[in-house]
Amino acid sequence: MAIEAEFGCELCCGEDAAAAMEYYFRQMKPVKRLIDRSHFSVSIRMCPNCEQQFVSTFTEFVDWQNGEDAQYFTVVPATQDEVAKFMAEDASFDFRDIGLLGVNRRRLTSDWPTGGDKVISWKTGVFSVREGY
């Protein structure tokens, strides 16, 4: 299965995943927050350099015993049509539709499981989007 045409620029989609994640948090322009809950959020952001838009998800699972909450963050580039669809549906979309953006497309992830180390990396393929608790 081939990867789709490249998305973004060297700043937002460069090979160094840690640098891309830092750029995301420091430089990306918020476009719209689609879901904003205490342990789950979905938002649209845009690279100020190349104007590539991204759908991002944040999920946290509270560890009531040890206080080391698992946190998962995914940033996936999206086409204009995909972004328009999510924004038009305004939080009534199926979370699986976000995960399907990963088909043939690279996404930036930060996985920090309870008791484990944070790993920032590029991944490909369909991914699961679940609401945290």
N, C-alpha and C. Protein backbone atom coordinates (compact mmCIF):
# COMPACT_ATOMS: atom_id res chain seq x y z
N MET A 1 0.85 -1.17 0.00
CA MET A 1 0.00 0.00 0.00
C MET A 1 0.90 1.24 0.00
N ALA A 2 0.78 2.09 -0.98
CA ALA A 2 1.62 3.27 -1.11
C ALA A 2 1.09 4.42 -0.24
N ILE A 3 2.01 5.24 0.22
CA ILE A 3 1.65 6.43 0.98
C ILE A 3 1.14 7.48 0.00
N GLU A 4 0.07 8.21 0.40
CA GLU A 4 -0.46 9.29 -0.44
C GLU A 4 0.61 10.34 -0.67
N ALA A 5 0.34 11.22 -1.62
CA ALA A 5 1.24 12.34 -1.88
C ALA A 5 1.58 13.04 -0.57
N GLU A 6 2.75 13.59 -0.52
CA GLU A 6 3.20 14.25 0.70
C GLU A 6 2.28 15.39 1.10
N PHE A 7 2.15 15.56 2.38
CA PHE A 7 1.39 16.66 2.95
C PHE A 7 2.36 17.59 3.66
N GLY A 8 2.00 18.86 3.75
CA GLY A 8 2.72 19.80 4.57
C GLY A 8 4.10 20.16 4.06
N CYS A 9 4.85 20.81 4.96
CA CYS A 9 6.19 21.29 4.64
C CYS A 9 7.20 20.67 5.61
N GLU A 10 8.44 21.05 5.49
CA GLU A 10 9.49 20.52 6.35
C GLU A 10 9.26 20.88 7.81
N LEU A 11 8.63 22.02 8.08
CA LEU A 11 8.38 22.43 9.47
C LEU A 11 7.32 21.58 10.15
N CYS A 12 6.21 21.34 9.47
CA CYS A 12 5.10 20.61 10.09
C CYS A 12 5.13 19.11 9.82
N CYS A 13 5.85 18.69 8.80
CA CYS A 13 5.86 17.27 8.43
C CYS A 13 7.26 16.74 8.16
N GLY A 14 8.27 17.39 8.71
CA GLY A 14 9.64 16.95 8.50
C GLY A 14 9.90 15.59 9.13
N GLU A 15 11.00 14.99 8.79
CA GLU A 15 11.32 13.64 9.25
C GLU A 15 11.47 13.52 10.76
N ASP A 16 11.95 14.57 11.43
CA ASP A 16 12.17 14.55 12.87
C ASP A 16 10.83 14.71 13.59
N ALA A 17 10.30 13.63 14.11
CA ALA A 17 8.97 13.64 14.73
C ALA A 17 8.92 14.55 15.95
N ALA A 18 9.97 14.55 16.77
CA ALA A 18 9.98 15.41 17.96
C ALA A 18 9.96 16.88 17.58
N ALA A 19 10.71 17.25 16.55
CA ALA A 19 10.72 18.64 16.08
C ALA A 19 9.36 19.02 15.51
N ALA A 20 8.74 18.12 14.77
CA ALA A 20 7.41 18.40 14.21
C ALA A 20 6.38 18.57 15.33
N MET A 21 6.47 17.76 16.39
CA MET A 21 5.53 17.88 17.51
C MET A 21 5.74 19.21 18.24
N GLU A 22 6.97 19.59 18.45
CA GLU A 22 7.25 20.87 19.11
C GLU A 22 6.71 22.02 18.25
N TYR A 23 6.92 21.95 16.95
CA TYR A 23 6.40 22.97 16.04
C TYR A 23 4.87 23.02 16.13
N TYR A 24 4.25 21.85 16.18
CA TYR A 24 2.79 21.80 16.28
C TYR A 24 2.31 22.58 17.50
N PHE A 25 2.88 22.33 18.65
CA PHE A 25 2.42 22.98 19.87
C PHE A 25 2.79 24.46 19.95
N ARG A 26 3.89 24.84 19.35
CA ARG A 26 4.33 26.23 19.46
C ARG A 26 3.86 27.14 18.33
N GLN A 27 3.67 26.59 17.13
CA GLN A 27 3.45 27.45 15.96
C GLN A 27 2.12 27.26 15.23
N MET A 28 1.52 26.09 15.33
CA MET A 28 0.29 25.85 14.57
C MET A 28 -0.83 26.78 14.99
N LYS A 29 -1.57 27.26 14.02
CA LYS A 29 -2.68 28.17 14.28
C LYS A 29 -3.96 27.37 14.54
N PRO A 30 -4.63 27.62 15.67
CA PRO A 30 -5.91 26.96 15.91
C PRO A 30 -6.94 27.43 14.88
N VAL A 31 -7.68 26.50 14.31
CA VAL A 31 -8.75 26.85 13.37
C VAL A 31 -10.09 26.67 14.07
N LYS A 32 -10.32 25.48 14.64
CA LYS A 32 -11.57 25.23 15.34
C LYS A 32 -11.41 24.02 16.26
N ARG A 33 -11.94 24.13 17.46
CA ARG A 33 -11.99 22.99 18.37
C ARG A 33 -13.36 22.34 18.16
N LEU A 34 -13.35 21.10 17.70
CA LEU A 34 -14.60 20.40 17.41
C LEU A 34 -15.18 19.73 18.64
N ILE A 35 -14.32 19.20 19.50
CA ILE A 35 -14.75 18.58 20.75
C ILE A 35 -13.78 19.05 21.83
N ASP A 36 -14.33 19.49 22.96
CA ASP A 36 -13.50 19.98 24.04
C ASP A 36 -14.03 19.45 25.37
N ARG A 37 -13.53 18.28 25.74
CA ARG A 37 -13.92 17.66 27.01
C ARG A 37 -12.68 17.49 27.87
N SER A 38 -12.86 17.20 29.14
CA SER A 38 -11.71 17.17 30.04
C SER A 38 -10.68 16.09 29.69
N HIS A 39 -11.09 14.97 29.14
CA HIS A 39 -10.15 13.89 28.83
C HIS A 39 -10.13 13.53 27.34
N PHE A 40 -10.75 14.38 26.53
CA PHE A 40 -10.83 14.09 25.10
C PHE A 40 -11.06 15.37 24.33
N SER A 41 -10.28 15.58 23.28
CA SER A 41 -10.51 16.74 22.42
C SER A 41 -10.16 16.40 20.97
N VAL A 42 -10.84 17.10 20.07
CA VAL A 42 -10.58 16.99 18.64
C VAL A 42 -10.54 18.43 18.12
N SER A 43 -9.49 18.75 17.39
CA SER A 43 -9.39 20.11 16.87
C SER A 43 -8.77 20.13 15.48
N ILE A 44 -8.95 21.27 14.83
CA ILE A 44 -8.35 21.53 13.53
C ILE A 44 -7.32 22.63 13.74
N ARG A 45 -6.11 22.41 13.23
CA ARG A 45 -5.07 23.43 13.27
C ARG A 45 -4.44 23.53 11.89
N MET A 46 -3.74 24.65 11.66
CA MET A 46 -3.15 24.90 10.36
C MET A 46 -1.70 25.36 10.52
N CYS A 47 -0.86 24.86 9.65
CA CYS A 47 0.54 25.29 9.62
C CYS A 47 0.59 26.71 9.06
N PRO A 48 1.21 27.65 9.79
CA PRO A 48 1.28 29.02 9.29
C PRO A 48 2.25 29.17 8.12
N ASN A 49 3.13 28.20 7.92
CA ASN A 49 4.10 28.27 6.84
C ASN A 49 3.52 27.81 5.50
N CYS A 50 2.84 26.64 5.50
CA CYS A 50 2.35 26.08 4.23
C CYS A 50 0.83 26.00 4.14
N GLU A 51 0.14 26.32 5.23
CA GLU A 51 -1.31 26.30 5.33
C GLU A 51 -1.93 24.90 5.27
N GLN A 52 -1.11 23.87 5.47
CA GLN A 52 -1.64 22.51 5.59
C GLN A 52 -2.50 22.45 6.85
N GLN A 53 -3.68 21.85 6.73
CA GLN A 53 -4.54 21.69 7.89
C GLN A 53 -4.41 20.27 8.45
N PHE A 54 -4.63 20.16 9.75
CA PHE A 54 -4.48 18.91 10.48
C PHE A 54 -5.68 18.70 11.39
N VAL A 55 -6.06 17.43 11.54
CA VAL A 55 -7.03 17.04 12.55
C VAL A 55 -6.21 16.43 13.68
N SER A 56 -6.43 16.92 14.89
CA SER A 56 -5.68 16.36 16.02
C SER A 56 -6.65 15.85 17.07
N THR A 57 -6.22 14.78 17.73
CA THR A 57 -7.01 14.21 18.82
C THR A 57 -6.13 14.08 20.05
N PHE A 58 -6.72 14.30 21.21
CA PHE A 58 -6.05 14.09 22.48
C PHE A 58 -6.97 13.22 23.33
N THR A 59 -6.43 12.16 23.87
CA THR A 59 -7.19 11.26 24.74
C THR A 59 -6.37 10.98 25.99
N GLU A 60 -7.03 11.08 27.13
CA GLU A 60 -6.39 10.78 28.41
C GLU A 60 -7.23 9.76 29.15
N PHE A 61 -6.55 8.76 29.72
CA PHE A 61 -7.21 7.74 30.54
C PHE A 61 -6.69 7.88 31.96
N VAL A 62 -7.57 8.28 32.87
CA VAL A 62 -7.17 8.55 34.24
C VAL A 62 -6.82 7.25 34.97
N ASP A 63 -5.66 7.27 35.62
CA ASP A 63 -5.21 6.15 36.45
C ASP A 63 -5.56 6.53 37.89
N TRP A 64 -6.67 6.03 38.37
CA TRP A 64 -7.18 6.41 39.69
C TRP A 64 -6.33 5.87 40.83
N GLN A 65 -5.45 4.91 40.55
CA GLN A 65 -4.65 4.32 41.62
C GLN A 65 -3.28 4.98 41.76
N ASN A 66 -2.59 5.20 40.67
CA ASN A 66 -1.22 5.71 40.75
C ASN A 66 -1.06 7.15 40.27
N GLY A 67 -2.09 7.70 39.65
CA GLY A 67 -2.04 9.08 39.20
C GLY A 67 -1.18 9.32 37.97
N GLU A 68 -0.80 8.27 37.29
CA GLU A 68 -0.02 8.41 36.06
C GLU A 68 -0.95 8.18 34.87
N ASP A 69 -1.63 9.24 34.48
CA ASP A 69 -2.64 9.13 33.43
C ASP A 69 -2.01 8.90 32.06
N ALA A 70 -2.50 7.89 31.36
CA ALA A 70 -2.06 7.63 29.99
C ALA A 70 -2.58 8.75 29.09
N GLN A 71 -1.73 9.24 28.20
CA GLN A 71 -2.10 10.32 27.30
C GLN A 71 -1.66 9.98 25.88
N TYR A 72 -2.57 10.17 24.94
CA TYR A 72 -2.30 9.86 23.54
C TYR A 72 -2.71 11.04 22.69
N PHE A 73 -1.81 11.46 21.81
CA PHE A 73 -2.05 12.62 20.96
C PHE A 73 -1.70 12.22 19.54
N THR A 74 -2.61 12.51 18.61
CA THR A 74 -2.39 12.18 17.20
C THR A 74 -2.69 13.40 16.35
N VAL A 75 -1.82 13.67 15.39
CA VAL A 75 -1.96 14.78 14.46
C VAL A 75 -1.89 14.19 13.05
N VAL A 76 -2.97 14.33 12.31
CA VAL A 76 -3.00 13.75 10.96
C VAL A 76 -3.37 14.85 9.95
N PRO A 77 -2.61 14.95 8.85
CA PRO A 77 -2.95 15.96 7.85
C PRO A 77 -4.27 15.61 7.17
N ALA A 78 -4.97 16.65 6.76
CA ALA A 78 -6.26 16.45 6.12
C ALA A 78 -6.39 17.36 4.91
N THR A 79 -7.17 16.90 3.95
CA THR A 79 -7.46 17.72 2.77
C THR A 79 -8.49 18.78 3.14
N GLN A 80 -8.65 19.76 2.27
CA GLN A 80 -9.66 20.80 2.49
C GLN A 80 -11.06 20.19 2.60
N ASP A 81 -11.36 19.22 1.75
CA ASP A 81 -12.68 18.58 1.77
C ASP A 81 -12.91 17.82 3.08
N GLU A 82 -11.89 17.13 3.57
CA GLU A 82 -12.02 16.40 4.83
C GLU A 82 -12.25 17.35 6.00
N VAL A 83 -11.49 18.43 6.04
CA VAL A 83 -11.66 19.42 7.11
C VAL A 83 -13.06 20.03 7.04
N ALA A 84 -13.50 20.37 5.86
CA ALA A 84 -14.84 20.96 5.71
C ALA A 84 -15.92 20.00 6.21
N LYS A 85 -15.75 18.71 5.94
CA LYS A 85 -16.72 17.71 6.40
C LYS A 85 -16.79 17.67 7.92
N PHE A 86 -15.63 17.61 8.58
CA PHE A 86 -15.62 17.55 10.04
C PHE A 86 -16.19 18.83 10.65
N MET A 87 -15.86 19.95 10.07
CA MET A 87 -16.35 21.21 10.63
C MET A 87 -17.85 21.37 10.40
N ALA A 88 -18.36 20.88 9.29
CA ALA A 88 -19.80 20.98 9.01
C ALA A 88 -20.61 20.09 9.93
N GLU A 89 -20.06 18.93 10.26
CA GLU A 89 -20.79 18.00 11.12
C GLU A 89 -20.74 18.42 12.58
N ASP A 90 -19.79 19.30 12.93
CA ASP A 90 -19.71 19.91 14.25
C ASP A 90 -19.92 18.93 15.39
N ALA A 91 -19.00 17.99 15.51
CA ALA A 91 -18.93 17.03 16.62
C ALA A 91 -19.96 15.90 16.55
N SER A 92 -20.72 15.81 15.49
CA SER A 92 -21.66 14.69 15.38
C SER A 92 -21.09 13.59 14.48
N PHE A 93 -19.82 13.72 14.07
CA PHE A 93 -19.20 12.74 13.19
C PHE A 93 -18.81 11.48 13.96
N ASP A 94 -18.61 10.43 13.22
CA ASP A 94 -18.16 9.16 13.77
C ASP A 94 -16.64 9.24 13.97
N PHE A 95 -16.15 8.92 15.17
CA PHE A 95 -14.72 8.98 15.44
C PHE A 95 -13.92 8.11 14.49
N ARG A 96 -14.52 7.05 13.99
CA ARG A 96 -13.82 6.17 13.05
C ARG A 96 -13.41 6.93 11.79
N ASP A 97 -14.18 7.97 11.43
CA ASP A 97 -13.84 8.76 10.24
C ASP A 97 -12.49 9.46 10.41
N ILE A 98 -12.17 9.86 11.64
CA ILE A 98 -10.86 10.46 11.88
C ILE A 98 -9.77 9.40 11.71
N GLY A 99 -9.97 8.24 12.33
CA GLY A 99 -9.00 7.15 12.23
C GLY A 99 -8.75 6.71 10.80
N LEU A 100 -9.75 6.81 9.95
CA LEU A 100 -9.59 6.43 8.55
C LEU A 100 -8.70 7.38 7.77
N LEU A 101 -8.47 8.58 8.32
CA LEU A 101 -7.54 9.50 7.65
C LEU A 101 -6.14 8.91 7.59
N GLY A 102 -5.84 7.95 8.45
CA GLY A 102 -4.53 7.33 8.47
C GLY A 102 -4.27 6.36 7.34
N VAL A 103 -5.28 6.00 6.58
CA VAL A 103 -5.08 5.08 5.45
C VAL A 103 -4.14 5.75 4.45
N ASN A 104 -3.03 5.10 4.16
CA ASN A 104 -2.06 5.60 3.18
C ASN A 104 -1.54 6.99 3.50
N ARG A 105 -1.53 7.35 4.79
CA ARG A 105 -1.13 8.70 5.19
C ARG A 105 -0.32 8.64 6.48
N ARG A 106 0.72 9.41 6.54
CA ARG A 106 1.56 9.46 7.74
C ARG A 106 0.93 10.41 8.76
N ARG A 107 1.02 10.00 10.06
CA ARG A 107 0.49 10.84 11.13
C ARG A 107 1.53 10.94 12.24
N LEU A 108 1.48 12.02 12.97
CA LEU A 108 2.39 12.28 14.08
C LEU A 108 1.70 11.85 15.36
N THR A 109 2.41 11.08 16.20
CA THR A 109 1.80 10.60 17.44
C THR A 109 2.70 10.83 18.64
N SER A 110 2.05 11.02 19.76
CA SER A 110 2.72 11.03 21.06
C SER A 110 1.96 10.03 21.92
N ASP A 111 2.61 8.93 22.23
CA ASP A 111 2.01 7.88 23.05
C ASP A 111 2.72 7.87 24.40
N TRP A 112 1.95 8.04 25.48
CA TRP A 112 2.51 8.07 26.82
C TRP A 112 1.65 7.19 27.72
N PRO A 113 1.89 5.88 27.68
CA PRO A 113 1.07 4.95 28.47
C PRO A 113 1.36 5.08 29.97
N THR A 114 0.40 4.70 30.77
CA THR A 114 0.57 4.71 32.22
C THR A 114 1.82 3.90 32.59
N GLY A 115 2.71 4.53 33.35
CA GLY A 115 3.92 3.85 33.80
C GLY A 115 4.99 3.68 32.74
N GLY A 116 4.75 4.20 31.54
CA GLY A 116 5.72 4.03 30.46
C GLY A 116 6.35 5.35 30.05
N ASP A 117 7.25 5.28 29.09
CA ASP A 117 7.91 6.46 28.56
C ASP A 117 7.10 7.05 27.42
N LYS A 118 7.19 8.34 27.27
CA LYS A 118 6.54 9.03 26.14
C LYS A 118 7.34 8.73 24.87
N VAL A 119 6.63 8.35 23.81
CA VAL A 119 7.27 8.07 22.53
C VAL A 119 6.59 8.94 21.47
N ILE A 120 7.37 9.78 20.83
CA ILE A 120 6.87 10.62 19.73
C ILE A 120 7.40 10.03 18.44
N SER A 121 6.49 9.77 17.49
CA SER A 121 6.92 9.12 16.25
C SER A 121 5.94 9.38 15.13
N TRP A 122 6.39 9.05 13.93
CA TRP A 122 5.52 9.03 12.76
C TRP A 122 5.00 7.62 12.58
N LYS A 123 3.70 7.49 12.29
CA LYS A 123 3.09 6.19 12.02
C LYS A 123 2.21 6.30 10.79
N THR A 124 1.82 5.16 10.25
CA THR A 124 0.88 5.13 9.13
C THR A 124 -0.20 4.10 9.44
N GLY A 125 -1.29 4.20 8.71
CA GLY A 125 -2.37 3.23 8.84
C GLY A 125 -3.54 3.75 9.65
N VAL A 126 -4.63 3.03 9.55
CA VAL A 126 -5.85 3.38 10.29
C VAL A 126 -5.53 3.33 11.77
N PHE A 127 -6.11 4.26 12.53
CA PHE A 127 -5.88 4.28 13.98
C PHE A 127 -7.21 4.45 14.71
N SER A 128 -7.18 4.04 15.95
CA SER A 128 -8.39 4.07 16.79
C SER A 128 -8.51 5.43 17.47
N VAL A 129 -9.70 5.98 17.46
CA VAL A 129 -9.99 7.22 18.18
C VAL A 129 -11.06 6.88 19.21
N ARG A 130 -10.67 7.03 20.48
CA ARG A 130 -11.61 6.71 21.58
C ARG A 130 -11.67 7.88 22.53
N GLU A 131 -12.83 8.08 23.10
CA GLU A 131 -12.99 9.11 24.10
C GLU A 131 -12.36 8.65 25.40
N GLY A 132 -11.63 9.53 26.07
CA GLY A 132 -10.97 9.20 27.32
C GLY A 132 -11.95 9.23 28.48
N TYR A 133 -11.44 8.91 29.66
CA TYR A 133 -12.23 8.94 30.89
C TYR A 133 -11.35 9.21 32.07
